[in-house]
C-alpha cells in the first residue's frame, strides 16, 4: 500500500480543512497515512499534536528533516492545492530538492471573479 502524507497549512486551527477526519485516518495504522498541520497563528487552547504539529508557515524543510516527507522516492507524487504564489513556491522547493516536475500536480484555490 502506498504511503500518504497529508500536510496542511492554515491561518489558525479554525481554518484547518478535514483535519479531524484525516487525523482519524492517520490513527488507523493500517491506513498508512501521516497527517501534519502547520498553523500560522497558534492559540493558547491549541494543543500540539492534536490541533497542529508545527507553528508558522508551511515549511518543506521541516517535513523532510522530521522524515515525514521523503523526497527520494521515485514513485512518489505530490499534489498541491492552494493559492498560486504558495503552490509555485512549494513546487520550486520540491524541484530544488530533486523532485521531477512531472511528479508535481497543482490545483489552484482562488476567490474573486471568474
PDB file of N, CA and C in Angstrom:
ATOM      1  N   UNK A   1       0.853  -1.178   0.000  1.00  0.00           N
ATOM      2  CA  UNK A   1       0.000   0.000   0.000  1.00  0.00           C
ATOM      3  C   UNK A   1       0.900   1.242   0.000  1.00  0.00           C
ATOM      4  N   UNK A   2       0.551   2.197  -0.832  1.00  0.00           N
ATOM      5  CA  UNK A   2       1.309   3.433  -0.938  1.00  0.00           C
ATOM      6  C   UNK A   2       1.078   4.302   0.302  1.00  0.00           C
ATOM      7  N   UNK A   3       2.157   4.854   0.823  1.00  0.00           N
ATOM      8  CA  UNK A   3       2.056   5.756   1.966  1.00  0.00           C
ATOM      9  C   UNK A   3       1.540   7.116   1.507  1.00  0.00           C
ATOM     10  N   UNK A   4       0.740   7.744   2.362  1.00  0.00           N
ATOM     11  CA  UNK A   4       0.188   9.070   2.083  1.00  0.00           C
ATOM     12  C   UNK A   4       0.599  10.003   3.208  1.00  0.00           C
ATOM     13  N   UNK A   5       1.180  11.138   2.830  1.00  0.00           N
ATOM     14  CA  UNK A   5       1.463  12.197   3.789  1.00  0.00           C
ATOM     15  C   UNK A   5       0.561  13.367   3.448  1.00  0.00           C
ATOM     16  N   UNK A   6      -0.261  13.767   4.400  1.00  0.00           N
ATOM     17  CA  UNK A   6      -1.173  14.903   4.234  1.00  0.00           C
ATOM     18  C   UNK A   6      -0.605  16.026   5.078  1.00  0.00           C
ATOM     19  N   UNK A   7      -0.063  17.033   4.415  1.00  0.00           N
ATOM     20  CA  UNK A   7       0.493  18.192   5.109  1.00  0.00           C
ATOM     21  C   UNK A   7      -0.359  19.399   4.761  1.00  0.00           C
ATOM     22  N   UNK A   8      -0.854  20.065   5.790  1.00  0.00           N
ATOM     23  CA  UNK A   8      -1.811  21.154   5.597  1.00  0.00           C
ATOM     24  C   UNK A   8      -1.327  22.393   6.334  1.00  0.00           C
ATOM     25  N   UNK A   9      -1.539  23.548   5.717  1.00  0.00           N
ATOM     26  CA  UNK A   9      -1.209  24.812   6.372  1.00  0.00           C
ATOM     27  C   UNK A   9      -2.468  25.659   6.459  1.00  0.00           C
ATOM     28  N   UNK A  10      -2.678  26.274   7.604  1.00  0.00           N
ATOM     29  CA  UNK A  10      -3.862  27.114   7.807  1.00  0.00           C
ATOM     30  C   UNK A  10      -3.477  28.316   8.665  1.00  0.00           C
ATOM     31  N   UNK A  11      -4.288  29.354   8.558  1.00  0.00           N
ATOM     32  CA  UNK A  11      -4.030  30.555   9.363  1.00  0.00           C
ATOM     33  C   UNK A  11      -4.171  30.268  10.852  1.00  0.00           C
ATOM     34  N   UNK A  12      -5.181  29.460  11.206  1.00  0.00           N
ATOM     35  CA  UNK A  12      -5.427  29.110  12.606  1.00  0.00           C
ATOM     36  C   UNK A  12      -6.159  27.779  12.646  1.00  0.00           C
ATOM     37  N   UNK A  13      -6.387  27.248  13.841  1.00  0.00           N
ATOM     38  CA  UNK A  13      -6.986  25.911  13.959  1.00  0.00           C
ATOM     39  C   UNK A  13      -8.433  25.854  13.487  1.00  0.00           C
ATOM     40  N   UNK A  14      -9.109  26.988  13.418  1.00  0.00           N
ATOM     41  CA  UNK A  14     -10.486  27.007  12.925  1.00  0.00           C
ATOM     42  C   UNK A  14     -10.550  26.898  11.405  1.00  0.00           C
ATOM     43  N   UNK A  15      -9.412  27.098  10.746  1.00  0.00           N
ATOM     44  CA  UNK A  15      -9.374  27.090   9.287  1.00  0.00           C
ATOM     45  C   UNK A  15      -8.768  25.807   8.712  1.00  0.00           C
ATOM     46  N   UNK A  16      -8.576  24.788   9.537  1.00  0.00           N
ATOM     47  CA  UNK A  16      -7.997  23.534   9.062  1.00  0.00           C
ATOM     48  C   UNK A  16      -9.077  22.703   8.368  1.00  0.00           C
ATOM     49  N   UNK A  17      -8.852  22.428   7.092  1.00  0.00           N
ATOM     50  CA  UNK A  17      -9.813  21.649   6.302  1.00  0.00           C
ATOM     51  C   UNK A  17      -9.595  20.157   6.519  1.00  0.00           C
ATOM     52  N   UNK A  18     -10.641  19.460   6.857  1.00  0.00           N
ATOM     53  CA  UNK A  18     -10.628  17.993   7.004  1.00  0.00           C
ATOM     54  C   UNK A  18      -9.672  17.485   8.077  1.00  0.00           C
ATOM     55  N   UNK A  19      -9.190  18.355   8.941  1.00  0.00           N
ATOM     56  CA  UNK A  19      -8.198  17.959   9.930  1.00  0.00           C
ATOM     57  C   UNK A  19      -8.619  16.796  10.804  1.00  0.00           C
ATOM     58  N   UNK A  20      -9.814  16.863  11.351  1.00  0.00           N
ATOM     59  CA  UNK A  20     -10.292  15.801  12.244  1.00  0.00           C
ATOM     60  C   UNK A  20     -10.386  14.470  11.505  1.00  0.00           C
ATOM     61  N   UNK A  21     -10.910  14.494  10.302  1.00  0.00           N
ATOM     62  CA  UNK A  21     -11.093  13.260   9.522  1.00  0.00           C
ATOM     63  C   UNK A  21      -9.750  12.649   9.119  1.00  0.00           C
ATOM     64  N   UNK A  22      -8.822  13.494   8.695  1.00  0.00           N
ATOM     65  CA  UNK A  22      -7.523  12.980   8.272  1.00  0.00           C
ATOM     66  C   UNK A  22      -6.745  12.456   9.464  1.00  0.00           C
ATOM     67  N   UNK A  23      -6.831  13.143  10.601  1.00  0.00           N
ATOM     68  CA  UNK A  23      -6.140  12.647  11.799  1.00  0.00           C
ATOM     69  C   UNK A  23      -6.732  11.314  12.268  1.00  0.00           C
ATOM     70  N   UNK A  24      -8.046  11.140  12.096  1.00  0.00           N
ATOM     71  CA  UNK A  24      -8.659   9.852  12.440  1.00  0.00           C
ATOM     72  C   UNK A  24      -8.124   8.753  11.521  1.00  0.00           C
ATOM     73  N   UNK A  25      -7.997   9.065  10.235  1.00  0.00           N
ATOM     74  CA  UNK A  25      -7.434   8.092   9.291  1.00  0.00           C
ATOM     75  C   UNK A  25      -5.989   7.772   9.653  1.00  0.00           C
ATOM     76  N   UNK A  26      -5.228   8.777  10.043  1.00  0.00           N
ATOM     77  CA  UNK A  26      -3.825   8.574  10.401  1.00  0.00           C
ATOM     78  C   UNK A  26      -3.674   7.729  11.665  1.00  0.00           C
ATOM     79  N   UNK A  27      -4.669   7.779  12.536  1.00  0.00           N
ATOM     80  CA  UNK A  27      -4.628   6.985  13.774  1.00  0.00           C
ATOM     81  C   UNK A  27      -4.795   5.491  13.492  1.00  0.00           C
ATOM     82  N   UNK A  28      -5.360   5.150  12.351  1.00  0.00           N
ATOM     83  CA  UNK A  28      -5.537   3.755  11.948  1.00  0.00           C
ATOM     84  C   UNK A  28      -4.246   3.289  11.287  1.00  0.00           C
ATOM     85  N   UNK A  29      -3.483   2.450  11.973  1.00  0.00           N
ATOM     86  CA  UNK A  29      -2.178   2.018  11.479  1.00  0.00           C
ATOM     87  C   UNK A  29      -2.257   1.356  10.109  1.00  0.00           C
ATOM     88  N   UNK A  30      -3.364   0.716   9.798  1.00  0.00           N
ATOM     89  CA  UNK A  30      -3.483   0.032   8.511  1.00  0.00           C
ATOM     90  C   UNK A  30      -3.712   1.000   7.356  1.00  0.00           C
ATOM     91  N   UNK A  31      -4.028   2.264   7.659  1.00  0.00           N
ATOM     92  CA  UNK A  31      -4.330   3.241   6.605  1.00  0.00           C
ATOM     93  C   UNK A  31      -3.064   3.766   5.939  1.00  0.00           C
ATOM     94  N   UNK A  32      -1.904   3.682   6.620  1.00  0.00           N
ATOM     95  CA  UNK A  32      -0.637   4.156   6.063  1.00  0.00           C
ATOM     96  C   UNK A  32      -0.678   5.650   5.736  1.00  0.00           C
ATOM     97  N   UNK A  33      -1.315   6.424   6.613  1.00  0.00           N
ATOM     98  CA  UNK A  33      -1.476   7.870   6.435  1.00  0.00           C
ATOM     99  C   UNK A  33      -0.742   8.604   7.556  1.00  0.00           C
ATOM    100  N   UNK A  34      -0.013   9.648   7.183  1.00  0.00           N
ATOM    101  CA  UNK A  34       0.607  10.555   8.138  1.00  0.00           C
ATOM    102  C   UNK A  34      -0.007  11.924   7.922  1.00  0.00           C
ATOM    103  N   UNK A  35      -0.422  12.577   8.997  1.00  0.00           N
ATOM    104  CA  UNK A  35      -1.044  13.910   8.903  1.00  0.00           C
ATOM    105  C   UNK A  35      -0.216  14.909   9.693  1.00  0.00           C
ATOM    106  N   UNK A  36       0.091  16.033   9.071  1.00  0.00           N
ATOM    107  CA  UNK A  36       0.833  17.109   9.729  1.00  0.00           C
ATOM    108  C   UNK A  36       0.176  18.436   9.393  1.00  0.00           C
ATOM    109  N   UNK A  37       0.019  19.288  10.418  1.00  0.00           N
ATOM    110  CA  UNK A  37      -0.649  20.583  10.256  1.00  0.00           C
ATOM    111  C   UNK A  37       0.277  21.705  10.706  1.00  0.00           C
ATOM    112  N   UNK A  38       0.377  22.724   9.865  1.00  0.00           N
ATOM    113  CA  UNK A  38       1.081  23.960  10.190  1.00  0.00           C
ATOM    114  C   UNK A  38       0.029  25.018  10.492  1.00  0.00           C
ATOM    115  N   UNK A  39       0.189  25.736  11.586  1.00  0.00           N
ATOM    116  CA  UNK A  39      -0.702  26.848  11.906  1.00  0.00           C
ATOM    117  C   UNK A  39       0.091  28.155  11.922  1.00  0.00           C
ATOM    118  N   UNK A  40      -0.419  29.133  11.185  1.00  0.00           N
ATOM    119  CA  UNK A  40       0.206  30.447  11.181  1.00  0.00           C
ATOM    120  C   UNK A  40       0.100  31.124  12.532  1.00  0.00           C
ATOM    121  N   UNK A  41      -1.055  30.970  13.166  1.00  0.00           N
ATOM    122  CA  UNK A  41      -1.285  31.535  14.489  1.00  0.00           C
ATOM    123  C   UNK A  41      -1.770  30.424  15.413  1.00  0.00           C
ATOM    124  N   UNK A  42      -1.018  30.156  16.445  1.00  0.00           N
ATOM    125  CA  UNK A  42      -1.374  29.128  17.420  1.00  0.00           C
ATOM    126  C   UNK A  42      -2.013  29.816  18.620  1.00  0.00           C
ATOM    127  N   UNK A  43      -3.244  29.412  18.947  1.00  0.00           N
ATOM    128  CA  UNK A  43      -3.941  29.967  20.108  1.00  0.00           C
ATOM    129  C   UNK A  43      -3.542  29.197  21.374  1.00  0.00           C
ATOM    130  N   UNK A  44      -3.777  29.808  22.506  1.00  0.00           N
ATOM    131  CA  UNK A  44      -3.451  29.156  23.783  1.00  0.00           C
ATOM    132  C   UNK A  44      -4.167  27.825  23.949  1.00  0.00           C
ATOM    133  N   UNK A  45      -5.363  27.705  23.381  1.00  0.00           N
ATOM    134  CA  UNK A  45      -6.142  26.479  23.526  1.00  0.00           C
ATOM    135  C   UNK A  45      -5.721  25.393  22.537  1.00  0.00           C
ATOM    136  N   UNK A  46      -4.902  25.732  21.529  1.00  0.00           N
ATOM    137  CA  UNK A  46      -4.456  24.746  20.548  1.00  0.00           C
ATOM    138  C   UNK A  46      -3.414  23.827  21.164  1.00  0.00           C
ATOM    139  N   UNK A  47      -3.602  22.540  20.959  1.00  0.00           N
ATOM    140  CA  UNK A  47      -2.714  21.545  21.540  1.00  0.00           C
ATOM    141  C   UNK A  47      -1.828  20.933  20.456  1.00  0.00           C
ATOM    142  N   UNK A  48      -0.517  21.031  20.667  1.00  0.00           N
ATOM    143  CA  UNK A  48       0.431  20.467  19.705  1.00  0.00           C
ATOM    144  C   UNK A  48       0.228  18.955  19.636  1.00  0.00           C
ATOM    145  N   UNK A  49       0.199  18.434  18.415  1.00  0.00           N
ATOM    146  CA  UNK A  49      -0.029  17.006  18.208  1.00  0.00           C
ATOM    147  C   UNK A  49      -1.495  16.653  18.074  1.00  0.00           C
ATOM    148  N   UNK A  50      -2.365  17.586  18.438  1.00  0.00           N
ATOM    149  CA  UNK A  50      -3.813  17.381  18.303  1.00  0.00           C
ATOM    150  C   UNK A  50      -4.381  18.380  17.299  1.00  0.00           C
ATOM    151  N   UNK A  51      -4.148  19.654  17.554  1.00  0.00           N
ATOM    152  CA  UNK A  51      -4.664  20.712  16.683  1.00  0.00           C
ATOM    153  C   UNK A  51      -3.651  21.135  15.624  1.00  0.00           C
ATOM    154  N   UNK A  52      -2.385  20.918  15.885  1.00  0.00           N
ATOM    155  CA  UNK A  52      -1.330  21.311  14.957  1.00  0.00           C
ATOM    156  C   UNK A  52      -0.059  20.538  15.285  1.00  0.00           C
ATOM    157  N   UNK A  53       0.886  20.585  14.347  1.00  0.00           N
ATOM    158  CA  UNK A  53       2.181  19.948  14.553  1.00  0.00           C
ATOM    159  C   UNK A  53       3.331  20.946  14.495  1.00  0.00           C
ATOM    160  N   UNK A  54       3.147  21.977  13.687  1.00  0.00           N
ATOM    161  CA  UNK A  54       4.183  22.985  13.506  1.00  0.00           C
ATOM    162  C   UNK A  54       3.551  24.372  13.587  1.00  0.00           C
ATOM    163  N   UNK A  55       4.211  25.282  14.282  1.00  0.00           N
ATOM    164  CA  UNK A  55       3.778  26.676  14.314  1.00  0.00           C
ATOM    165  C   UNK A  55       4.483  27.414  13.179  1.00  0.00           C
ATOM    166  N   UNK A  56       3.741  28.263  12.485  1.00  0.00           N
ATOM    167  CA  UNK A  56       4.328  29.047  11.406  1.00  0.00           C
ATOM    168  C   UNK A  56       3.867  28.580  10.042  1.00  0.00           C
ATOM    169  N   UNK A  57       4.482  29.157   9.034  1.00  0.00           N
ATOM    170  CA  UNK A  57       4.131  28.852   7.649  1.00  0.00           C
ATOM    171  C   UNK A  57       4.571  27.440   7.259  1.00  0.00           C
ATOM    172  N   UNK A  58       3.931  26.904   6.233  1.00  0.00           N
ATOM    173  CA  UNK A  58       4.306  25.612   5.671  1.00  0.00           C
ATOM    174  C   UNK A  58       5.792  25.616   5.362  1.00  0.00           C
ATOM    175  N   UNK A  59       6.487  24.576   5.784  1.00  0.00           N
ATOM    176  CA  UNK A  59       7.932  24.524   5.620  1.00  0.00           C
ATOM    177  C   UNK A  59       8.358  23.120   5.208  1.00  0.00           C
ATOM    178  N   UNK A  60       8.676  22.971   3.946  1.00  0.00           N
ATOM    179  CA  UNK A  60       9.093  21.683   3.402  1.00  0.00           C
ATOM    180  C   UNK A  60      10.321  21.141   4.130  1.00  0.00           C
ATOM    181  N   UNK A  61      11.229  22.016   4.502  1.00  0.00           N
ATOM    182  CA  UNK A  61      12.458  21.610   5.186  1.00  0.00           C
ATOM    183  C   UNK A  61      12.130  20.884   6.495  1.00  0.00           C
ATOM    184  N   UNK A  62      11.140  21.371   7.236  1.00  0.00           N
ATOM    185  CA  UNK A  62      10.754  20.728   8.498  1.00  0.00           C
ATOM    186  C   UNK A  62      10.202  19.329   8.259  1.00  0.00           C
ATOM    187  N   UNK A  63       9.370  19.181   7.226  1.00  0.00           N
ATOM    188  CA  UNK A  63       8.795  17.866   6.923  1.00  0.00           C
ATOM    189  C   UNK A  63       9.873  16.867   6.515  1.00  0.00           C
ATOM    190  N   UNK A  64      10.840  17.322   5.741  1.00  0.00           N
ATOM    191  CA  UNK A  64      11.933  16.453   5.314  1.00  0.00           C
ATOM    192  C   UNK A  64      12.832  16.111   6.500  1.00  0.00           C
ATOM    193  N   UNK A  65      13.174  17.108   7.302  1.00  0.00           N
ATOM    194  CA  UNK A  65      14.045  16.885   8.466  1.00  0.00           C
ATOM    195  C   UNK A  65      13.426  15.903   9.456  1.00  0.00           C
ATOM    196  N   UNK A  66      12.104  15.969   9.607  1.00  0.00           N
ATOM    197  CA  UNK A  66      11.408  15.061  10.531  1.00  0.00           C
ATOM    198  C   UNK A  66      11.072  13.718   9.887  1.00  0.00           C
ATOM    199  N   UNK A  67      11.554  13.508   8.658  1.00  0.00           N
ATOM    200  CA  UNK A  67      11.338  12.261   7.910  1.00  0.00           C
ATOM    201  C   UNK A  67       9.854  11.948   7.710  1.00  0.00           C
ATOM    202  N   UNK A  68       9.071  13.015   7.580  1.00  0.00           N
ATOM    203  CA  UNK A  68       7.638  12.895   7.333  1.00  0.00           C
ATOM    204  C   UNK A  68       7.367  12.844   5.835  1.00  0.00           C
ATOM    205  N   UNK A  69       8.201  13.548   5.074  1.00  0.00           N
ATOM    206  CA  UNK A  69       8.003  13.643   3.633  1.00  0.00           C
ATOM    207  C   UNK A  69       9.308  13.287   2.930  1.00  0.00           C
ATOM    208  N   UNK A  70       9.495  11.999   2.613  1.00  0.00           N
ATOM    209  CA  UNK A  70      10.722  11.611   1.920  1.00  0.00           C
ATOM    210  C   UNK A  70      10.659  12.075   0.457  1.00  0.00           C
ATOM    211  N   UNK A  71      11.691  12.765   0.029  1.00  0.00           N
ATOM    212  CA  UNK A  71      11.721  13.288  -1.334  1.00  0.00           C
ATOM    213  C   UNK A  71      12.498  12.394  -2.287  1.00  0.00           C
ATOM    214  N   UNK A  72      13.025  11.294  -1.783  1.00  0.00           N
ATOM    215  CA  UNK A  72      13.866  10.428  -2.608  1.00  0.00           C
ATOM    216  C   UNK A  72      13.131   9.211  -3.171  1.00  0.00           C
ATOM    217  N   UNK A  73      11.830   9.156  -3.013  1.00  0.00           N
ATOM    218  CA  UNK A  73      11.057   8.030  -3.542  1.00  0.00           C
ATOM    219  C   UNK A  73      10.654   8.352  -4.980  1.00  0.00           C
ATOM    220  N   UNK A  74      11.169   7.594  -5.915  1.00  0.00           N
ATOM    221  CA  UNK A  74      10.921   7.855  -7.326  1.00  0.00           C
ATOM    222  C   UNK A  74       9.476   7.709  -7.744  1.00  0.00           C
ATOM    223  N   UNK A  75       8.708   6.889  -7.026  1.00  0.00           N
ATOM    224  CA  UNK A  75       7.305   6.683  -7.407  1.00  0.00           C
ATOM    225  C   UNK A  75       6.348   7.643  -6.688  1.00  0.00           C
ATOM    226  N   UNK A  76       6.884   8.514  -5.842  1.00  0.00           N
ATOM    227  CA  UNK A  76       6.034   9.450  -5.098  1.00  0.00           C
ATOM    228  C   UNK A  76       5.494  10.531  -6.027  1.00  0.00           C
ATOM    229  N   UNK A  77       4.285  10.980  -5.720  1.00  0.00           N
ATOM    230  CA  UNK A  77       3.682  12.098  -6.427  1.00  0.00           C
ATOM    231  C   UNK A  77       3.262  13.125  -5.384  1.00  0.00           C
ATOM    232  N   UNK A  78       3.238  14.391  -5.793  1.00  0.00           N
ATOM    233  CA  UNK A  78       2.988  15.495  -4.884  1.00  0.00           C
ATOM    234  C   UNK A  78       1.823  16.310  -5.433  1.00  0.00           C
ATOM    235  N   UNK A  79       0.781  16.434  -4.639  1.00  0.00           N
ATOM    236  CA  UNK A  79      -0.418  17.164  -5.035  1.00  0.00           C
ATOM    237  C   UNK A  79      -0.521  18.410  -4.172  1.00  0.00           C
ATOM    238  N   UNK A  80      -0.479  19.564  -4.808  1.00  0.00           N
ATOM    239  CA  UNK A  80      -0.510  20.839  -4.106  1.00  0.00           C
ATOM    240  C   UNK A  80      -1.813  21.550  -4.420  1.00  0.00           C
ATOM    241  N   UNK A  81      -2.489  21.985  -3.388  1.00  0.00           N
ATOM    242  CA  UNK A  81      -3.728  22.747  -3.547  1.00  0.00           C
ATOM    243  C   UNK A  81      -3.593  24.015  -2.726  1.00  0.00           C
ATOM    244  N   UNK A  82      -3.924  25.150  -3.319  1.00  0.00           N
ATOM    245  CA  UNK A  82      -3.830  26.392  -2.574  1.00  0.00           C
ATOM    246  C   UNK A  82      -3.698  27.587  -3.482  1.00  0.00           C
ATOM    247  N   UNK A  83      -3.320  28.714  -2.917  1.00  0.00           N
ATOM    248  CA  UNK A  83      -3.126  29.928  -3.708  1.00  0.00           C
ATOM    249  C   UNK A  83      -1.923  29.772  -4.653  1.00  0.00           C
ATOM    250  N   UNK A  84      -1.998  30.469  -5.773  1.00  0.00           N
ATOM    251  CA  UNK A  84      -0.980  30.353  -6.826  1.00  0.00           C
ATOM    252  C   UNK A  84       0.439  30.583  -6.310  1.00  0.00           C
ATOM    253  N   UNK A  85       0.681  31.691  -5.650  1.00  0.00           N
ATOM    254  CA  UNK A  85       2.047  32.014  -5.219  1.00  0.00           C
ATOM    255  C   UNK A  85       2.607  30.962  -4.275  1.00  0.00           C
ATOM    256  N   UNK A  86       1.766  30.444  -3.392  1.00  0.00           N
ATOM    257  CA  UNK A  86       2.206  29.406  -2.457  1.00  0.00           C
ATOM    258  C   UNK A  86       2.565  28.131  -3.212  1.00  0.00           C
ATOM    259  N   UNK A  87       1.706  27.732  -4.148  1.00  0.00           N
ATOM    260  CA  UNK A  87       1.975  26.498  -4.902  1.00  0.00           C
ATOM    261  C   UNK A  87       3.249  26.610  -5.728  1.00  0.00           C
ATOM    262  N   UNK A  88       3.456  27.754  -6.355  1.00  0.00           N
ATOM    263  CA  UNK A  88       4.674  27.959  -7.148  1.00  0.00           C
ATOM    264  C   UNK A  88       5.905  27.854  -6.253  1.00  0.00           C
ATOM    265  N   UNK A  89       5.848  28.446  -5.063  1.00  0.00           N
ATOM    266  CA  UNK A  89       6.986  28.371  -4.136  1.00  0.00           C
ATOM    267  C   UNK A  89       7.246  26.929  -3.699  1.00  0.00           C
ATOM    268  N   UNK A  90       6.207  26.190  -3.325  1.00  0.00           N
ATOM    269  CA  UNK A  90       6.398  24.804  -2.888  1.00  0.00           C
ATOM    270  C   UNK A  90       6.875  23.945  -4.057  1.00  0.00           C
ATOM    271  N   UNK A  91       6.328  24.173  -5.252  1.00  0.00           N
ATOM    272  CA  UNK A  91       6.795  23.437  -6.438  1.00  0.00           C
ATOM    273  C   UNK A  91       8.284  23.700  -6.654  1.00  0.00           C
ATOM    274  N   UNK A  92       8.700  24.954  -6.563  1.00  0.00           N
ATOM    275  CA  UNK A  92      10.113  25.289  -6.725  1.00  0.00           C
ATOM    276  C   UNK A  92      10.968  24.618  -5.657  1.00  0.00           C
ATOM    277  N   UNK A  93      10.470  24.590  -4.416  1.00  0.00           N
ATOM    278  CA  UNK A  93      11.200  23.933  -3.324  1.00  0.00           C
ATOM    279  C   UNK A  93      11.330  22.430  -3.587  1.00  0.00           C
ATOM    280  N   UNK A  94      10.262  21.811  -4.061  1.00  0.00           N
ATOM    281  CA  UNK A  94      10.316  20.382  -4.376  1.00  0.00           C
ATOM    282  C   UNK A  94      11.332  20.115  -5.484  1.00  0.00           C
ATOM    283  N   UNK A  95      11.280  20.915  -6.536  1.00  0.00           N
ATOM    284  CA  UNK A  95      12.228  20.743  -7.637  1.00  0.00           C
ATOM    285  C   UNK A  95      13.667  20.958  -7.172  1.00  0.00           C
ATOM    286  N   UNK A  96      13.891  21.950  -6.326  1.00  0.00           N
ATOM    287  CA  UNK A  96      15.231  22.222  -5.810  1.00  0.00           C
ATOM    288  C   UNK A  96      15.755  21.054  -4.974  1.00  0.00           C
ATOM    289  N   UNK A  97      14.827  20.232  -4.476  1.00  0.00           N
ATOM    290  CA  UNK A  97      15.193  19.054  -3.683  1.00  0.00           C
ATOM    291  C   UNK A  97      15.168  17.774  -4.505  1.00  0.00           C
ATOM    292  N   UNK A  98      15.167  17.912  -5.842  1.00  0.00           N
ATOM    293  CA  UNK A  98      15.314  16.755  -6.715  1.00  0.00           C
ATOM    294  C   UNK A  98      14.042  16.091  -7.204  1.00  0.00           C
ATOM    295  N   UNK A  99      12.885  16.656  -6.909  1.00  0.00           N
ATOM    296  CA  UNK A  99      11.625  16.061  -7.373  1.00  0.00           C
ATOM    297  C   UNK A  99      11.384  16.489  -8.824  1.00  0.00           C
ATOM    298  N   UNK A 100      11.093  15.525  -9.688  1.00  0.00           N
ATOM    299  CA  UNK A 100      10.816  15.818 -11.091  1.00  0.00           C
ATOM    300  C   UNK A 100       9.490  16.556 -11.228  1.00  0.00           C
ATOM    301  N   UNK A 101       9.460  17.513 -12.132  1.00  0.00           N
ATOM    302  CA  UNK A 101       8.275  18.329 -12.354  1.00  0.00           C
ATOM    303  C   UNK A 101       7.048  17.488 -12.702  1.00  0.00           C
ATOM    304  N   UNK A 102       7.225  16.382 -13.418  1.00  0.00           N
ATOM    305  CA  UNK A 102       6.083  15.551 -13.806  1.00  0.00           C
ATOM    306  C   UNK A 102       5.457  14.808 -12.627  1.00  0.00           C
ATOM    307  N   UNK A 103       6.088  14.873 -11.465  1.00  0.00           N
ATOM    308  CA  UNK A 103       5.553  14.245 -10.247  1.00  0.00           C
ATOM    309  C   UNK A 103       4.806  15.251  -9.364  1.00  0.00           C
ATOM    310  N   UNK A 104       4.771  16.522  -9.792  1.00  0.00           N
ATOM    311  CA  UNK A 104       4.144  17.585  -9.001  1.00  0.00           C
ATOM    312  C   UNK A 104       2.879  18.043  -9.706  1.00  0.00           C
ATOM    313  N   UNK A 105       1.758  17.982  -8.996  1.00  0.00           N
ATOM    314  CA  UNK A 105       0.452  18.344  -9.563  1.00  0.00           C
ATOM    315  C   UNK A 105      -0.136  19.504  -8.764  1.00  0.00           C
ATOM    316  N   UNK A 106      -0.680  20.502  -9.466  1.00  0.00           N
ATOM    317  CA  UNK A 106      -1.193  21.702  -8.822  1.00  0.00           C
ATOM    318  C   UNK A 106      -2.697  21.854  -9.063  1.00  0.00           C
ATOM    319  N   UNK A 107      -3.394  22.324  -8.026  1.00  0.00           N
ATOM    320  CA  UNK A 107      -4.813  22.702  -8.164  1.00  0.00           C
ATOM    321  C   UNK A 107      -4.977  24.037  -7.481  1.00  0.00           C
ATOM    322  N   UNK A 108      -5.359  25.018  -8.256  1.00  0.00           N
ATOM    323  CA  UNK A 108      -5.461  26.396  -7.779  1.00  0.00           C
ATOM    324  C   UNK A 108      -6.718  26.615  -6.954  1.00  0.00           C
ATOM    325  N   UNK A 109      -6.538  27.227  -5.781  1.00  0.00           N
ATOM    326  CA  UNK A 109      -7.656  27.714  -4.972  1.00  0.00           C
ATOM    327  C   UNK A 109      -7.627  29.225  -5.088  1.00  0.00           C
ATOM    328  N   UNK A 110      -8.741  29.806  -5.510  1.00  0.00           N
ATOM    329  CA  UNK A 110      -8.773  31.252  -5.671  1.00  0.00           C
ATOM    330  C   UNK A 110     -10.166  31.778  -5.351  1.00  0.00           C
ATOM    331  N   UNK A 111     -10.230  33.051  -5.066  1.00  0.00           N
ATOM    332  CA  UNK A 111     -11.503  33.728  -4.863  1.00  0.00           C
ATOM    333  C   UNK A 111     -11.600  34.859  -5.861  1.00  0.00           C
ATOM    334  N   UNK A 112     -12.802  35.373  -6.017  1.00  0.00           N
ATOM    335  CA  UNK A 112     -12.985  36.501  -6.912  1.00  0.00           C
ATOM    336  C   UNK A 112     -13.759  36.125  -8.156  1.00  0.00           C
ATOM    337  N   UNK A 113     -13.722  37.001  -9.117  1.00  0.00           N
ATOM    338  CA  UNK A 113     -14.473  36.800 -10.355  1.00  0.00           C
ATOM    339  C   UNK A 113     -13.822  35.749 -11.234  1.00  0.00           C
ATOM    340  N   UNK A 114     -14.684  35.062 -11.965  1.00  0.00           N
ATOM    341  CA  UNK A 114     -14.206  34.064 -12.928  1.00  0.00           C
ATOM    342  C   UNK A 114     -14.404  34.630 -14.310  1.00  0.00           C
TER     343      UNK A 114
END
